[in-house]
Amino acid sequence: MKRFDAVFNRKENVFFSDSQALLGLRVSLSFNFSDLKFISSESAEKAAGKALSAFHFLYGGKRGKSGDNLFLDEKSFKAAREKFFIPYCPFRKGQILTEENGFYWAFNFAEHGEVFSFCHDCGGFETLMEELLKMRERINSFTPLAWCGDFGFLSANPRLCGNMARIGAALHLPALKKSGKIINLFKEAEFLRMKFGSLFDDLPDTSGFYQLSAYGGFLDEKAFVKKTVSFLQAIVQREKEEREKFFSKNEFADEAFRALGIFKYCRLLGFYESISLLSSLKAGADAGFFSGIKQGDIPRALTAFAPKTADYLKKEKNKTQQQFRAEISRSIFESWREKSRA
């Protein structure tokens, strides 16, 4: 089982991919322990103790090395929220994040516990959910979960009662945003009891990048997955149709080339500017405007540009986030070139 520092510093991105519209999917199951039903009413010491005992159970009953600190500090916790798309919640003592065979365990985040994993397309999504259900059963063999016959799994947040399944999808929808049709998607999502928001929960805007959040409620898990996948497939198809209208326009190409110029030569780069430029650049890359692109360039930038992640990653205390972001930008995009035209 990998501890947080090893998990967080992995070079490959666990969530974002190089695909055009659907960048990644995160599926999770949350749970509460029967003797700690509601996290808001329990002390940090009790919650931390339950998290630690669950961690050792997953680790085969083995204890870590003497002096090992398994809990995240506040800075690490905030960076973990951005990189692993853990739903917004305030920091409190007792947070643990570990990884085992591609499955991630978070204790004392939004709920007492959560097991989640990532994939980059909708194929095999139902199988992944079945694997997660087995993981939750594994925890239930260690300690009874908080369960009510009328409402299913109990949660401090009534919206998450039931099966407590959650799906998060990272989407890049620049054409739908430019056309104004993104508003229709917001309304459809609300009707389906889903929610469109910025890529990072506590930031108001992330340009053409969005996160679609879906909660299982009282649906069974398979029905929940099918409903969410069908909506995601419809979104991707609409974005493709809109891109055919916008990709041929001169102003679209100009935005992409301007973005590359800034990324290659900037010395200071703020977050909101960087995410807007990155949306234009990715759209240009999808349209085939550039050469010299390495796999994972855009996913790496998306992760590193996020404020709390940038603050965690920068080593020099006297280096600002704007300086770090610009430095990362130059290193990522130095090999990108305008593709020669016949």
Protein backbone atom coordinates (compact mmCIF):
# COMPACT_ATOMS: atom_id res chain seq x y z
CA MET A 1 0.00 0.00 0.00
CA LYS A 2 1.46 3.33 -1.07
CA ARG A 3 1.47 6.25 1.31
CA PHE A 4 0.38 9.74 0.30
CA ASP A 5 3.75 11.18 -0.71
CA ALA A 6 4.39 8.29 -3.12
CA VAL A 7 0.86 8.45 -4.50
CA PHE A 8 0.81 12.21 -4.98
CA ASN A 9 4.19 12.48 -6.68
CA ARG A 10 3.53 9.86 -9.35
CA LYS A 11 4.52 11.31 -12.72
CA GLU A 12 1.55 9.96 -14.65
CA ASN A 13 -1.74 11.73 -14.11
CA VAL A 14 -4.37 9.53 -12.50
CA PHE A 15 -7.35 11.57 -13.66
CA PHE A 16 -6.78 13.69 -16.77
CA SER A 17 -6.08 12.19 -20.18
CA ASP A 18 -5.23 13.55 -23.63
CA SER A 19 -8.67 12.79 -25.08
CA GLN A 20 -10.61 15.65 -26.63
CA ALA A 21 -13.82 16.17 -24.64
CA LEU A 22 -14.02 13.58 -21.85
CA LEU A 23 -10.73 13.93 -20.00
CA GLY A 24 -11.32 11.50 -17.17
CA LEU A 25 -13.76 9.78 -14.86
CA ARG A 26 -13.65 9.29 -11.12
CA VAL A 27 -16.03 6.83 -9.48
CA SER A 28 -16.30 6.39 -5.74
CA LEU A 29 -18.26 4.82 -2.92
CA SER A 30 -18.50 6.54 0.45
CA PHE A 31 -19.35 4.97 3.78
CA ASN A 32 -19.75 5.74 7.45
CA PHE A 33 -18.79 3.46 10.31
CA SER A 34 -21.67 2.40 12.54
CA ASP A 35 -20.13 3.80 15.71
CA LEU A 36 -19.32 7.13 14.03
CA LYS A 37 -22.43 7.84 11.99
CA PHE A 38 -22.04 11.59 11.58
CA ILE A 39 -18.62 13.13 11.30
CA SER A 40 -19.70 16.60 12.43
CA SER A 41 -20.72 15.27 15.85
CA GLU A 42 -17.51 13.35 16.56
CA SER A 43 -14.19 14.58 17.88
CA ALA A 44 -11.15 14.66 15.62
CA GLU A 45 -9.46 12.14 17.91
CA LYS A 46 -12.24 9.55 17.47
CA ALA A 47 -12.38 10.06 13.72
CA ALA A 48 -8.59 9.84 13.43
CA GLY A 49 -8.55 6.67 15.50
CA LYS A 50 -11.14 5.03 13.26
CA ALA A 51 -9.21 6.08 10.14
CA LEU A 52 -5.97 4.67 11.50
CA SER A 53 -7.53 1.35 12.49
CA ALA A 54 -9.15 1.03 9.05
CA PHE A 55 -5.83 1.82 7.40
CA HIS A 56 -4.05 -0.91 9.36
CA PHE A 57 -6.86 -3.34 8.50
CA LEU A 58 -6.37 -2.68 4.77
CA TYR A 59 -2.64 -3.06 5.25
CA GLY A 60 -3.16 -6.61 6.51
CA GLY A 61 -3.00 -5.69 10.16
CA LYS A 62 0.61 -4.53 9.87
CA ARG A 63 1.77 -1.42 11.62
CA GLY A 64 3.91 1.18 9.91
CA LYS A 65 7.47 1.94 10.90
CA SER A 66 7.95 3.58 14.23
CA GLY A 67 7.50 7.32 13.92
CA ASP A 68 5.64 7.16 10.58
CA ASN A 69 3.12 9.97 10.22
CA LEU A 70 0.22 8.63 8.16
CA PHE A 71 -1.96 11.73 8.43
CA LEU A 72 -1.99 14.60 5.95
CA ASP A 73 -1.15 18.11 7.05
CA GLU A 74 -3.40 20.93 5.85
CA LYS A 75 -1.23 21.80 2.85
CA SER A 76 -1.09 18.19 1.67
CA PHE A 77 -4.81 17.77 2.21
CA LYS A 78 -5.69 20.78 0.04
CA ALA A 79 -3.36 19.60 -2.72
CA ALA A 80 -4.92 16.13 -2.54
CA ARG A 81 -8.39 17.63 -2.99
CA GLU A 82 -7.32 19.26 -6.26
CA LYS A 83 -5.37 16.35 -7.71
CA PHE A 84 -7.75 13.55 -6.73
CA PHE A 85 -11.03 15.49 -7.00
CA ILE A 86 -12.13 14.81 -3.46
CA PRO A 87 -15.36 16.83 -2.96
CA TYR A 88 -15.02 20.10 -1.12
CA CYS A 89 -14.79 19.86 2.66
CA PRO A 90 -12.79 21.71 5.33
CA PHE A 91 -9.56 20.29 6.68
CA ARG A 92 -9.71 18.50 10.00
CA LYS A 93 -7.21 16.21 11.66
CA GLY A 94 -7.27 12.54 10.77
CA GLN A 95 -7.11 12.56 6.95
CA ILE A 96 -5.37 9.61 5.31
CA LEU A 97 -5.02 8.97 1.57
CA THR A 98 -3.45 5.73 0.33
CA GLU A 99 -3.39 3.68 -2.87
CA GLU A 100 -3.53 -0.07 -3.36
CA ASN A 101 -3.56 -1.72 -6.80
CA GLY A 102 -5.14 1.26 -8.52
CA PHE A 103 -7.79 1.84 -5.84
CA TYR A 104 -7.57 4.84 -3.54
CA TRP A 105 -8.75 4.98 0.05
CA ALA A 106 -9.53 8.30 1.71
CA PHE A 107 -10.52 8.41 5.38
CA ASN A 108 -12.20 11.37 7.07
CA PHE A 109 -12.64 13.49 3.98
CA ALA A 110 -16.26 14.22 2.96
CA GLU A 111 -17.35 11.06 4.77
CA HIS A 112 -15.63 8.75 7.23
CA GLY A 113 -14.31 6.72 4.37
CA GLU A 114 -14.26 6.61 0.61
CA VAL A 115 -12.84 4.19 -1.94
CA PHE A 116 -12.40 5.45 -5.49
CA SER A 117 -10.66 4.82 -8.78
CA PHE A 118 -10.17 6.49 -12.17
CA CYS A 119 -10.65 5.65 -15.83
CA HIS A 120 -10.34 7.69 -19.02
CA ASP A 121 -13.42 6.53 -20.93
CA CYS A 122 -16.81 4.91 -20.35
CA GLY A 123 -15.74 1.40 -21.36
CA GLY A 124 -15.69 -1.04 -18.48
CA PHE A 125 -17.28 1.46 -16.13
CA GLU A 126 -19.80 -1.05 -14.78
CA THR A 127 -17.00 -3.53 -14.04
CA LEU A 128 -15.11 -0.84 -12.13
CA MET A 129 -18.19 -0.15 -10.01
CA GLU A 130 -18.49 -3.86 -9.19
CA GLU A 131 -14.86 -3.88 -8.03
CA LEU A 132 -15.52 -0.88 -5.80
CA LEU A 133 -18.51 -2.62 -4.25
CA LYS A 134 -16.25 -5.54 -3.35
CA MET A 135 -13.85 -3.08 -1.73
CA ARG A 136 -16.66 -1.65 0.39
CA GLU A 137 -17.62 -5.17 1.47
CA ARG A 138 -14.02 -5.61 2.56
CA ILE A 139 -14.35 -2.67 4.92
CA ASN A 140 -17.72 -4.00 6.15
CA SER A 141 -16.00 -7.26 7.14
CA PHE A 142 -13.77 -5.19 9.41
CA THR A 143 -16.49 -3.10 11.06
CA PRO A 144 -20.25 -2.69 10.50
CA LEU A 145 -21.15 0.25 8.28
CA ALA A 146 -23.78 2.80 9.25
CA TRP A 147 -26.96 1.48 7.67
CA CYS A 148 -30.66 2.27 7.94
CA GLY A 149 -33.35 0.05 6.43
CA ASP A 150 -35.34 3.04 5.17
CA PHE A 151 -32.50 5.17 3.83
CA GLY A 152 -29.56 2.89 3.08
CA PHE A 153 -26.08 4.06 4.06
CA LEU A 154 -26.20 7.01 6.43
CA SER A 155 -24.33 10.24 5.81
CA ALA A 156 -23.91 13.58 7.51
CA ASN A 157 -25.15 15.06 4.22
CA PRO A 158 -28.74 13.88 3.52
CA ARG A 159 -28.14 14.18 -0.25
CA LEU A 160 -25.56 11.40 0.00
CA CYS A 161 -27.74 8.90 1.83
CA GLY A 162 -28.59 5.74 -0.07
CA ASN A 163 -25.93 3.84 -1.96
CA MET A 164 -23.60 6.86 -1.66
CA ALA A 165 -22.05 6.35 -5.08
CA ARG A 166 -20.45 9.35 -6.75
CA ILE A 167 -19.12 9.95 -10.26
CA GLY A 168 -17.00 12.92 -11.29
CA ALA A 169 -16.23 13.58 -14.95
CA ALA A 170 -13.66 16.10 -16.19
CA LEU A 171 -14.81 17.63 -19.48
CA HIS A 172 -13.37 20.09 -21.99
CA LEU A 173 -16.25 21.83 -23.77
CA PRO A 174 -14.90 25.01 -25.42
CA ALA A 175 -17.21 24.86 -28.46
CA LEU A 176 -20.37 24.41 -26.40
CA LYS A 177 -19.28 27.30 -24.20
CA LYS A 178 -18.61 29.60 -27.18
CA SER A 179 -21.99 28.75 -28.74
CA GLY A 180 -23.83 29.38 -25.47
CA LYS A 181 -25.34 25.91 -25.58
CA ILE A 182 -23.55 24.96 -22.38
CA ILE A 183 -26.46 26.56 -20.50
CA ASN A 184 -28.81 23.90 -21.88
CA LEU A 185 -26.47 21.21 -20.54
CA PHE A 186 -26.57 22.81 -17.09
CA LYS A 187 -30.36 22.61 -17.10
CA GLU A 188 -30.38 18.99 -18.31
CA ALA A 189 -27.86 18.02 -15.64
CA GLU A 190 -29.97 19.62 -12.94
CA PHE A 191 -33.03 17.71 -14.19
CA LEU A 192 -31.02 14.47 -13.95
CA ARG A 193 -29.89 15.40 -10.41
CA MET A 194 -26.36 16.08 -11.58
CA LYS A 195 -24.31 19.25 -11.33
CA PHE A 196 -21.95 21.13 -13.63
CA GLY A 197 -19.25 23.14 -11.92
CA SER A 198 -15.71 24.36 -12.33
CA LEU A 199 -12.93 21.81 -12.60
CA PHE A 200 -11.85 22.51 -9.03
CA ASP A 201 -14.73 22.75 -6.57
CA ASP A 202 -13.72 25.88 -4.66
CA LEU A 203 -12.71 27.95 -7.72
CA PRO A 204 -15.52 29.87 -9.47
CA ASP A 205 -14.37 29.45 -13.08
CA THR A 206 -12.06 27.15 -15.06
CA SER A 207 -12.74 28.42 -18.59
CA GLY A 208 -13.76 25.64 -21.01
CA PHE A 209 -12.96 22.93 -18.45
CA TYR A 210 -15.83 21.59 -16.35
CA GLN A 211 -16.56 18.91 -13.80
CA LEU A 212 -19.85 17.02 -13.94
CA SER A 213 -20.75 15.59 -10.53
CA ALA A 214 -23.34 12.84 -10.22
CA TYR A 215 -24.61 11.27 -7.01
CA GLY A 216 -26.20 7.83 -6.80
CA GLY A 217 -28.95 8.69 -4.35
CA PHE A 218 -31.35 5.78 -4.04
CA LEU A 219 -30.64 4.27 -7.46
CA ASP A 220 -28.93 0.92 -7.56
CA GLU A 221 -25.32 1.28 -8.66
CA LYS A 222 -25.71 -0.28 -12.12
CA ALA A 223 -28.68 1.94 -13.02
CA PHE A 224 -26.76 4.95 -11.75
CA VAL A 225 -23.73 4.13 -13.94
CA LYS A 226 -25.88 3.59 -17.04
CA LYS A 227 -27.71 6.89 -16.59
CA THR A 228 -24.49 8.83 -16.09
CA VAL A 229 -22.67 7.17 -19.00
CA SER A 230 -25.58 7.86 -21.37
CA PHE A 231 -25.53 11.56 -20.48
CA LEU A 232 -21.75 11.77 -20.86
CA GLN A 233 -21.87 10.16 -24.29
CA ALA A 234 -24.53 12.67 -25.37
CA ILE A 235 -22.37 15.58 -24.13
CA VAL A 236 -19.31 14.37 -26.05
CA GLN A 237 -21.35 14.00 -29.25
CA ARG A 238 -22.74 17.54 -28.95
CA GLU A 239 -19.28 18.99 -28.35
CA LYS A 240 -17.97 17.25 -31.48
CA GLU A 241 -20.81 18.71 -33.54
CA GLU A 242 -20.15 22.24 -32.26
CA ARG A 243 -16.41 21.95 -32.87
CA GLU A 244 -17.00 21.36 -36.56
CA LYS A 245 -18.52 24.85 -36.71
CA PHE A 246 -15.82 26.64 -34.70
CA PHE A 247 -12.52 24.97 -35.61
CA SER A 248 -12.45 26.48 -39.11
CA LYS A 249 -12.66 30.11 -37.89
CA ASN A 250 -9.55 32.31 -37.98
CA GLU A 251 -10.13 33.77 -34.50
CA PHE A 252 -10.18 30.27 -33.03
CA ALA A 253 -6.76 29.48 -34.54
CA ASP A 254 -5.40 32.86 -33.41
CA GLU A 255 -6.41 32.17 -29.80
CA ALA A 256 -4.58 28.83 -29.88
CA PHE A 257 -1.34 30.25 -31.30
CA ARG A 258 -1.38 33.23 -28.91
CA ALA A 259 -1.80 30.80 -26.00
CA LEU A 260 1.25 28.79 -27.09
CA GLY A 261 3.37 31.95 -27.40
CA ILE A 262 2.53 32.99 -23.85
CA PHE A 263 3.12 29.52 -22.43
CA LYS A 264 6.55 29.26 -24.07
CA TYR A 265 7.90 32.65 -23.02
CA CYS A 266 6.02 33.88 -19.93
CA ARG A 267 7.79 34.68 -16.67
CA LEU A 268 4.68 35.10 -14.50
CA LEU A 269 1.43 33.20 -14.96
CA GLY A 270 -1.70 33.53 -12.84
CA PHE A 271 -4.14 30.66 -12.46
CA TYR A 272 -7.21 32.09 -14.22
CA GLU A 273 -5.11 33.30 -17.13
CA SER A 274 -3.37 29.92 -17.35
CA ILE A 275 -6.58 27.87 -17.38
CA SER A 276 -8.16 30.08 -20.06
CA LEU A 277 -5.05 29.87 -22.24
CA LEU A 278 -4.84 26.12 -21.67
CA SER A 279 -8.40 25.67 -22.90
CA SER A 280 -7.56 27.54 -26.14
CA LEU A 281 -4.30 25.63 -26.54
CA LYS A 282 -5.92 22.22 -26.04
CA ALA A 283 -8.64 23.05 -28.56
CA GLY A 284 -5.90 23.98 -31.05
CA ALA A 285 -4.04 20.75 -30.33
CA ASP A 286 -7.25 18.75 -30.86
CA ALA A 287 -7.69 20.54 -34.20
CA GLY A 288 -4.18 19.47 -35.28
CA PHE A 289 -2.48 22.89 -35.26
CA PHE A 290 0.68 21.81 -33.42
CA SER A 291 3.54 19.32 -33.60
CA GLY A 292 6.08 18.25 -30.97
CA ILE A 293 3.35 17.35 -28.49
CA LYS A 294 4.32 14.77 -25.87
CA GLN A 295 1.68 12.51 -24.38
CA GLY A 296 0.54 13.86 -21.04
CA ASP A 297 1.54 17.51 -21.61
CA ILE A 298 -1.96 18.90 -21.14
CA PRO A 299 -2.80 16.62 -18.17
CA ARG A 300 0.45 17.62 -16.49
CA ALA A 301 -0.32 21.32 -16.96
CA LEU A 302 -3.89 20.93 -15.68
CA THR A 303 -2.62 19.40 -12.47
CA ALA A 304 0.39 21.65 -11.89
CA PHE A 305 -1.46 24.92 -12.60
CA ALA A 306 -4.09 24.32 -9.87
CA PRO A 307 -3.38 26.73 -6.98
CA LYS A 308 -3.07 24.35 -4.02
CA THR A 309 -1.19 21.77 -6.10
CA ALA A 310 1.24 24.40 -7.36
CA ASP A 311 1.79 25.55 -3.80
CA TYR A 312 2.52 21.96 -2.75
CA LEU A 313 4.84 21.20 -5.68
CA LYS A 314 7.01 24.32 -5.67
CA LYS A 315 10.13 23.64 -3.65
CA GLU A 316 11.52 27.12 -3.10
CA LYS A 317 9.71 29.06 -0.40
CA ASN A 318 10.67 32.37 -2.00
CA LYS A 319 9.17 31.37 -5.36
CA THR A 320 5.63 32.58 -5.99
CA GLN A 321 2.90 30.45 -7.56
CA GLN A 322 2.99 32.74 -10.62
CA GLN A 323 6.72 32.13 -11.04
CA PHE A 324 6.37 28.38 -10.54
CA ARG A 325 3.46 28.14 -12.97
CA ALA A 326 5.41 30.02 -15.64
CA GLU A 327 8.46 27.83 -15.11
CA ILE A 328 6.37 24.67 -15.45
CA SER A 329 4.66 26.10 -18.52
CA ARG A 330 7.95 26.77 -20.31
CA SER A 331 9.26 23.28 -19.54
CA ILE A 332 6.07 21.54 -20.72
CA PHE A 333 5.48 23.48 -23.93
CA GLU A 334 9.06 24.18 -25.09
CA SER A 335 8.87 21.40 -27.72
CA TRP A 336 5.51 22.49 -29.18
CA ARG A 337 5.62 24.01 -32.67
CA GLU A 338 3.19 25.28 -35.23
CA LYS A 339 2.57 22.42 -37.62
CA SER A 340 3.96 23.13 -41.11
CA ARG A 341 1.25 23.63 -43.69
CA ALA A 342 1.37 22.12 -47.15
